[in-house]
């Protein structure tokens, strides 16, 4: 048997299995989902939003603690001296 013949036989077998599966499938109504208990519903539902927190007042921009430290007076020239 050649490769083409084997491929055709395998594809026909797969098509036969798929056709049989689809034809024998039950036509009943879809599965019913169970009802949730009130406790489960409470877990699923989001809690109502609480009051928004008041915005915090930030410190002024010119606060000395926010400023970077002053530069060194002696700038090194990279010579190590």
N, C-alpha and C. Protein backbone atom coordinates (compact mmCIF):
# COMPACT_ATOMS: atom_id res chain seq x y z
N UNK A 1 0.84 -1.17 0.00
CA UNK A 1 0.00 0.00 0.00
C UNK A 1 0.89 1.24 0.00
N UNK A 2 0.47 2.20 -0.75
CA UNK A 2 1.25 3.44 -0.80
C UNK A 2 0.82 4.37 0.32
N UNK A 3 1.60 5.40 0.51
CA UNK A 3 1.32 6.38 1.56
C UNK A 3 -0.02 7.05 1.32
N UNK A 4 -0.34 7.35 0.08
CA UNK A 4 -1.61 8.01 -0.25
C UNK A 4 -2.80 7.12 0.10
N UNK A 5 -2.70 5.85 -0.18
CA UNK A 5 -3.79 4.92 0.14
C UNK A 5 -4.00 4.82 1.64
N UNK A 6 -2.91 4.73 2.37
CA UNK A 6 -3.00 4.67 3.84
C UNK A 6 -3.63 5.95 4.38
N UNK A 7 -3.24 7.08 3.85
CA UNK A 7 -3.79 8.36 4.31
C UNK A 7 -5.29 8.45 4.04
N UNK A 8 -5.71 7.97 2.88
CA UNK A 8 -7.13 7.99 2.54
C UNK A 8 -7.93 7.07 3.46
N UNK A 9 -7.39 5.91 3.79
CA UNK A 9 -8.08 4.98 4.69
C UNK A 9 -8.21 5.58 6.09
N UNK A 10 -7.13 6.19 6.57
CA UNK A 10 -7.17 6.79 7.91
C UNK A 10 -8.15 7.95 7.94
N UNK A 11 -8.13 8.80 6.93
CA UNK A 11 -9.05 9.95 6.92
C UNK A 11 -10.50 9.48 6.80
N UNK A 12 -10.76 8.41 6.05
CA UNK A 12 -12.12 7.87 5.95
C UNK A 12 -12.56 7.30 7.29
N UNK A 13 -11.66 6.64 7.99
CA UNK A 13 -12.00 6.08 9.30
C UNK A 13 -12.32 7.19 10.30
N UNK A 14 -11.53 8.24 10.28
CA UNK A 14 -11.78 9.36 11.19
C UNK A 14 -13.11 10.02 10.85
N UNK A 15 -13.39 10.22 9.58
CA UNK A 15 -14.65 10.82 9.16
C UNK A 15 -15.83 9.93 9.57
N UNK A 16 -15.69 8.60 9.47
CA UNK A 16 -16.75 7.68 9.88
C UNK A 16 -17.01 7.77 11.38
N UNK A 17 -15.96 7.85 12.18
CA UNK A 17 -16.11 7.97 13.64
C UNK A 17 -16.81 9.28 13.99
N UNK A 18 -16.42 10.37 13.34
CA UNK A 18 -17.05 11.67 13.63
C UNK A 18 -18.51 11.65 13.21
N UNK A 19 -18.82 11.10 12.04
CA UNK A 19 -20.20 11.03 11.57
C UNK A 19 -21.05 10.18 12.51
N UNK A 20 -20.53 9.04 12.97
CA UNK A 20 -21.28 8.18 13.89
C UNK A 20 -21.51 8.89 15.22
N UNK A 21 -20.51 9.61 15.69
CA UNK A 21 -20.66 10.32 16.97
C UNK A 21 -21.73 11.39 16.86
N UNK A 22 -21.72 12.13 15.77
CA UNK A 22 -22.70 13.20 15.61
C UNK A 22 -24.11 12.65 15.40
N UNK A 23 -24.24 11.54 14.71
CA UNK A 23 -25.57 10.99 14.45
C UNK A 23 -26.16 10.32 15.68
N UNK A 24 -25.33 9.75 16.54
CA UNK A 24 -25.83 9.06 17.73
C UNK A 24 -25.96 9.97 18.94
N UNK A 25 -25.57 11.20 18.75
CA UNK A 25 -25.66 12.14 19.87
C UNK A 25 -27.11 12.38 20.22
N UNK A 26 -27.42 12.48 21.50
CA UNK A 26 -28.80 12.67 21.92
C UNK A 26 -29.24 14.10 21.61
N UNK A 27 -30.48 14.25 21.26
CA UNK A 27 -31.04 15.54 20.88
C UNK A 27 -31.81 16.17 22.04
N UNK A 28 -31.50 15.79 23.25
CA UNK A 28 -32.22 16.30 24.41
C UNK A 28 -31.85 17.75 24.67
N UNK A 29 -32.62 18.36 25.55
CA UNK A 29 -32.36 19.75 25.89
C UNK A 29 -31.01 19.87 26.60
N UNK A 30 -30.41 21.04 26.54
CA UNK A 30 -29.11 21.20 27.20
C UNK A 30 -29.21 20.97 28.70
N UNK A 31 -28.10 20.67 29.29
CA UNK A 31 -28.06 20.36 30.72
C UNK A 31 -28.54 21.55 31.54
N UNK A 32 -29.30 21.26 32.56
CA UNK A 32 -29.80 22.30 33.45
C UNK A 32 -28.73 22.63 34.48
N UNK A 33 -28.49 23.91 34.67
CA UNK A 33 -27.53 24.32 35.68
C UNK A 33 -28.21 24.36 37.04
N UNK A 34 -27.55 23.87 38.07
CA UNK A 34 -28.18 23.87 39.39
C UNK A 34 -28.36 25.30 39.92
N UNK A 35 -29.40 25.46 40.72
CA UNK A 35 -29.67 26.78 41.32
C UNK A 35 -28.70 27.03 42.46
N UNK A 36 -28.27 28.26 42.59
CA UNK A 36 -27.35 28.62 43.67
C UNK A 36 -28.14 28.91 44.93
N UNK A 37 -27.55 28.58 46.06
CA UNK A 37 -28.17 28.90 47.34
C UNK A 37 -27.93 30.38 47.63
N UNK A 38 -28.70 30.96 48.55
CA UNK A 38 -28.49 32.38 48.88
C UNK A 38 -27.08 32.67 49.38
N UNK A 39 -26.47 31.72 50.08
CA UNK A 39 -25.11 31.94 50.56
C UNK A 39 -24.12 31.99 49.39
N UNK A 40 -24.35 31.11 48.41
CA UNK A 40 -23.47 31.13 47.23
C UNK A 40 -23.68 32.39 46.41
N UNK A 41 -24.91 32.85 46.31
CA UNK A 41 -25.18 34.10 45.59
C UNK A 41 -24.49 35.28 46.26
N UNK A 42 -24.48 35.28 47.59
CA UNK A 42 -23.82 36.37 48.30
C UNK A 42 -22.33 36.37 48.05
N UNK A 43 -21.75 35.19 47.87
CA UNK A 43 -20.32 35.12 47.59
C UNK A 43 -20.00 35.61 46.18
N UNK A 44 -20.90 35.33 45.24
CA UNK A 44 -20.66 35.68 43.85
C UNK A 44 -20.89 37.16 43.59
N UNK A 45 -21.91 37.72 44.17
CA UNK A 45 -22.26 39.12 43.93
C UNK A 45 -21.23 40.04 44.57
N UNK A 46 -20.87 41.10 43.87
CA UNK A 46 -19.92 42.05 44.47
C UNK A 46 -20.60 42.86 45.56
N UNK A 47 -19.82 43.25 46.51
CA UNK A 47 -20.35 44.06 47.60
C UNK A 47 -20.63 45.46 47.08
N UNK A 48 -21.63 46.14 47.62
CA UNK A 48 -21.91 47.49 47.15
C UNK A 48 -20.73 48.41 47.46
N UNK A 49 -20.46 49.35 46.59
CA UNK A 49 -19.30 50.21 46.82
C UNK A 49 -19.50 51.07 48.07
N UNK A 50 -18.46 51.15 48.84
CA UNK A 50 -18.52 51.96 50.06
C UNK A 50 -18.22 53.41 49.70
N UNK A 51 -18.36 54.27 50.68
CA UNK A 51 -18.09 55.68 50.44
C UNK A 51 -16.63 55.86 50.04
N UNK A 52 -16.38 56.69 49.04
CA UNK A 52 -14.98 56.89 48.66
C UNK A 52 -14.21 57.60 49.75
N UNK A 53 -12.99 57.19 49.92
CA UNK A 53 -12.16 57.81 50.95
C UNK A 53 -11.82 59.24 50.54
N UNK A 54 -11.78 60.15 51.50
CA UNK A 54 -11.43 61.52 51.15
C UNK A 54 -9.99 61.58 50.66
N UNK A 55 -9.78 62.43 49.68
CA UNK A 55 -8.43 62.52 49.13
C UNK A 55 -7.50 63.12 50.16
N UNK A 56 -6.30 62.61 50.19
CA UNK A 56 -5.32 63.09 51.14
C UNK A 56 -4.63 64.31 50.56
N UNK A 57 -4.41 65.28 51.39
CA UNK A 57 -3.75 66.50 50.95
C UNK A 57 -2.26 66.23 50.94
N UNK A 58 -1.63 66.48 49.80
CA UNK A 58 -0.20 66.24 49.71
C UNK A 58 0.56 67.45 50.24
N UNK A 59 1.80 67.20 50.62
CA UNK A 59 2.64 68.27 51.14
C UNK A 59 2.97 69.24 50.00
N UNK A 60 3.24 70.49 50.32
CA UNK A 60 3.60 71.44 49.27
C UNK A 60 4.87 71.00 48.55
N UNK A 61 4.99 71.42 47.30
CA UNK A 61 6.13 71.01 46.48
C UNK A 61 7.43 71.59 47.02
N UNK A 62 7.38 72.75 47.62
CA UNK A 62 8.59 73.42 48.09
C UNK A 62 9.00 72.99 49.50
N UNK A 63 8.46 71.91 49.98
CA UNK A 63 8.82 71.41 51.30
C UNK A 63 10.28 70.95 51.26
N UNK A 64 11.11 71.38 52.22
CA UNK A 64 12.54 71.00 52.19
C UNK A 64 12.78 69.49 52.23
N UNK A 65 11.88 68.73 52.81
CA UNK A 65 12.10 67.29 52.86
C UNK A 65 11.92 66.65 51.48
N UNK A 66 11.20 67.30 50.57
CA UNK A 66 10.99 66.76 49.23
C UNK A 66 12.10 67.15 48.26
N UNK A 67 12.86 68.16 48.57
CA UNK A 67 13.90 68.63 47.66
C UNK A 67 15.11 67.71 47.70
N UNK A 68 15.83 67.58 46.61
CA UNK A 68 17.04 66.75 46.62
C UNK A 68 18.13 67.43 47.45
N UNK A 69 19.08 66.66 47.94
CA UNK A 69 20.14 67.27 48.75
C UNK A 69 20.96 68.24 47.89
N UNK A 70 21.53 69.25 48.53
CA UNK A 70 22.33 70.22 47.76
C UNK A 70 23.57 69.54 47.19
N UNK A 71 24.06 70.00 46.04
CA UNK A 71 25.24 69.38 45.43
C UNK A 71 26.49 69.64 46.28
N UNK A 72 27.44 68.71 46.14
CA UNK A 72 28.71 68.86 46.87
C UNK A 72 29.46 70.06 46.32
N UNK A 73 30.20 70.74 47.23
CA UNK A 73 30.98 71.89 46.80
C UNK A 73 32.17 71.47 45.95
N UNK A 74 32.77 70.34 46.31
CA UNK A 74 33.93 69.87 45.56
C UNK A 74 33.50 68.85 44.53
N UNK A 75 33.66 69.18 43.29
CA UNK A 75 33.31 68.24 42.20
C UNK A 75 34.58 67.50 41.83
N UNK A 76 34.48 66.18 41.85
CA UNK A 76 35.66 65.39 41.49
C UNK A 76 35.88 65.43 39.99
N UNK A 77 37.13 65.51 39.57
CA UNK A 77 37.42 65.55 38.14
C UNK A 77 37.69 64.18 37.55
N UNK A 78 37.59 63.12 38.33
CA UNK A 78 37.79 61.79 37.82
C UNK A 78 39.23 61.31 37.85
N UNK A 79 40.17 62.16 38.31
CA UNK A 79 41.56 61.76 38.38
C UNK A 79 41.91 61.06 39.66
N UNK A 80 40.98 61.04 40.59
CA UNK A 80 41.24 60.37 41.87
C UNK A 80 42.02 61.23 42.83
N UNK A 81 42.20 62.48 42.54
CA UNK A 81 42.97 63.33 43.45
C UNK A 81 42.07 64.25 44.22
